[in-house]
């Protein structure tokens, strides 16, 4: 059984770097999070860098 007060791994917001986020469903099979401070949504705590994508 799962404990109600069990802490889940929280992710830092890639936009404002705030550590207070909550799980917000799934998208494309990946966990989606929402930042409580700036209200933006992101996937798995990572943000793609356009320069890195062009190099690869």
N, C-alpha and C. Protein backbone atom coordinates (compact mmCIF):
# COMPACT_ATOMS: atom_id res chain seq x y z
N UNK A 1 0.83 -1.18 0.00
CA UNK A 1 0.00 0.00 0.00
C UNK A 1 0.88 1.25 0.00
N UNK A 2 0.33 2.30 -0.51
CA UNK A 2 1.04 3.56 -0.57
C UNK A 2 0.62 4.46 0.60
N UNK A 3 1.57 5.11 1.20
CA UNK A 3 1.27 6.05 2.28
C UNK A 3 0.76 7.36 1.69
N UNK A 4 -0.20 7.96 2.34
CA UNK A 4 -0.75 9.22 1.84
C UNK A 4 0.26 10.35 1.90
N UNK A 5 1.12 10.33 2.89
CA UNK A 5 2.08 11.41 3.07
C UNK A 5 3.41 11.14 2.40
N UNK A 6 3.43 10.21 1.49
CA UNK A 6 4.66 9.85 0.79
C UNK A 6 5.07 11.00 -0.13
N UNK A 7 6.33 11.44 0.00
CA UNK A 7 6.83 12.53 -0.84
C UNK A 7 7.21 11.97 -2.20
N UNK A 8 6.86 12.69 -3.24
CA UNK A 8 7.29 12.31 -4.58
C UNK A 8 8.45 13.22 -4.99
N UNK A 9 9.20 12.78 -5.94
CA UNK A 9 10.34 13.56 -6.41
C UNK A 9 9.83 14.80 -7.13
N UNK A 10 10.16 15.97 -6.61
CA UNK A 10 9.72 17.20 -7.25
C UNK A 10 10.81 17.72 -8.17
N UNK A 11 10.40 18.37 -9.22
CA UNK A 11 11.32 18.90 -10.21
C UNK A 11 11.37 20.42 -10.09
N UNK A 12 12.52 21.00 -10.36
CA UNK A 12 12.63 22.45 -10.40
C UNK A 12 12.09 22.95 -11.72
N UNK A 13 11.44 24.11 -11.68
CA UNK A 13 10.88 24.71 -12.89
C UNK A 13 12.03 25.20 -13.78
N UNK A 14 12.06 24.81 -15.06
CA UNK A 14 13.13 25.26 -15.94
C UNK A 14 12.98 26.73 -16.36
N UNK A 15 11.83 27.34 -16.09
CA UNK A 15 11.60 28.71 -16.49
C UNK A 15 11.99 29.69 -15.38
N UNK A 16 11.47 29.48 -14.16
CA UNK A 16 11.75 30.41 -13.06
C UNK A 16 12.64 29.80 -11.98
N UNK A 17 13.02 28.53 -12.12
CA UNK A 17 13.89 27.82 -11.19
C UNK A 17 13.29 27.61 -9.80
N UNK A 18 11.99 27.76 -9.68
CA UNK A 18 11.33 27.55 -8.40
C UNK A 18 11.24 26.05 -8.13
N UNK A 19 11.33 25.66 -6.87
CA UNK A 19 11.31 24.23 -6.55
C UNK A 19 9.92 23.71 -6.21
N UNK A 20 8.91 24.58 -6.17
CA UNK A 20 7.57 24.15 -5.84
C UNK A 20 6.79 23.87 -7.11
N UNK A 21 6.69 22.58 -7.44
CA UNK A 21 5.96 22.15 -8.62
C UNK A 21 5.01 21.03 -8.22
N UNK A 22 4.06 20.74 -9.10
CA UNK A 22 3.15 19.63 -8.84
C UNK A 22 2.99 18.82 -10.12
N UNK A 23 2.67 17.56 -9.96
CA UNK A 23 2.41 16.71 -11.12
C UNK A 23 1.11 17.17 -11.77
N UNK A 24 1.10 17.15 -13.11
CA UNK A 24 -0.05 17.65 -13.83
C UNK A 24 -0.37 16.76 -15.02
N UNK A 25 -0.54 15.48 -14.77
CA UNK A 25 -0.91 14.54 -15.82
C UNK A 25 0.27 14.04 -16.63
N UNK A 26 -0.04 13.44 -17.78
CA UNK A 26 0.99 12.89 -18.65
C UNK A 26 0.77 13.39 -20.06
N UNK A 27 1.87 13.54 -20.80
CA UNK A 27 1.80 13.95 -22.20
C UNK A 27 2.85 13.16 -22.95
N UNK A 28 2.44 12.50 -24.01
CA UNK A 28 3.33 11.68 -24.83
C UNK A 28 4.05 10.62 -23.99
N UNK A 29 3.37 10.10 -22.96
CA UNK A 29 3.93 9.05 -22.12
C UNK A 29 4.92 9.54 -21.09
N UNK A 30 5.08 10.86 -20.94
CA UNK A 30 6.01 11.42 -19.97
C UNK A 30 5.25 12.21 -18.92
N UNK A 31 5.81 12.25 -17.70
CA UNK A 31 5.17 12.99 -16.63
C UNK A 31 5.22 14.48 -16.91
N UNK A 32 4.09 15.16 -16.74
CA UNK A 32 4.01 16.59 -16.95
C UNK A 32 3.88 17.27 -15.59
N UNK A 33 4.57 18.40 -15.43
CA UNK A 33 4.56 19.14 -14.17
C UNK A 33 4.06 20.55 -14.41
N UNK A 34 3.55 21.20 -13.35
CA UNK A 34 3.16 22.60 -13.41
C UNK A 34 3.82 23.33 -12.25
N UNK A 35 4.41 24.47 -12.55
CA UNK A 35 5.05 25.30 -11.54
C UNK A 35 3.97 26.08 -10.79
N UNK A 36 4.05 26.08 -9.48
CA UNK A 36 3.07 26.79 -8.68
C UNK A 36 3.31 28.30 -8.75
N UNK A 37 4.56 28.72 -8.88
CA UNK A 37 4.89 30.15 -8.90
C UNK A 37 4.51 30.82 -10.22
N UNK A 38 4.97 30.28 -11.35
CA UNK A 38 4.74 30.95 -12.64
C UNK A 38 3.62 30.31 -13.46
N UNK A 39 3.04 29.21 -12.98
CA UNK A 39 1.90 28.52 -13.62
C UNK A 39 2.23 27.93 -14.98
N UNK A 40 3.51 27.79 -15.34
CA UNK A 40 3.87 27.20 -16.63
C UNK A 40 3.99 25.70 -16.49
N UNK A 41 3.78 24.98 -17.59
CA UNK A 41 3.86 23.53 -17.60
C UNK A 41 5.12 23.09 -18.33
N UNK A 42 5.66 21.94 -17.90
CA UNK A 42 6.86 21.40 -18.55
C UNK A 42 6.88 19.90 -18.36
N UNK A 43 7.67 19.22 -19.18
CA UNK A 43 7.79 17.77 -19.13
C UNK A 43 9.09 17.36 -18.45
N UNK A 44 9.01 16.54 -17.44
CA UNK A 44 10.16 15.87 -16.82
C UNK A 44 11.27 16.81 -16.38
N UNK A 45 11.01 18.06 -16.19
CA UNK A 45 12.00 18.98 -15.65
C UNK A 45 13.11 19.38 -16.60
N UNK A 46 13.00 19.02 -17.86
CA UNK A 46 14.04 19.39 -18.80
C UNK A 46 13.48 20.35 -19.85
N UNK A 47 14.33 21.19 -20.33
CA UNK A 47 13.94 22.13 -21.38
C UNK A 47 14.95 21.98 -22.51
N UNK A 48 14.48 21.80 -23.71
CA UNK A 48 15.37 21.60 -24.84
C UNK A 48 16.00 22.91 -25.27
N UNK A 49 17.27 22.86 -25.59
CA UNK A 49 18.01 24.02 -26.04
C UNK A 49 18.10 23.96 -27.56
N UNK A 50 17.67 25.01 -28.25
CA UNK A 50 17.67 25.00 -29.72
C UNK A 50 19.06 24.83 -30.30
N UNK A 51 20.06 25.43 -29.69
CA UNK A 51 21.43 25.32 -30.19
C UNK A 51 21.91 23.87 -30.11
N UNK A 52 21.60 23.19 -29.05
CA UNK A 52 22.00 21.79 -28.90
C UNK A 52 21.30 20.92 -29.95
N UNK A 53 20.04 21.21 -30.22
CA UNK A 53 19.31 20.44 -31.23
C UNK A 53 19.91 20.62 -32.61
N UNK A 54 20.33 21.84 -32.97
CA UNK A 54 20.91 22.08 -34.27
C UNK A 54 22.27 21.40 -34.41
N UNK A 55 23.03 21.35 -33.34
CA UNK A 55 24.36 20.70 -33.39
C UNK A 55 24.21 19.21 -33.60
N UNK A 56 23.23 18.60 -32.92
CA UNK A 56 23.02 17.16 -33.07
C UNK A 56 22.45 16.87 -34.42
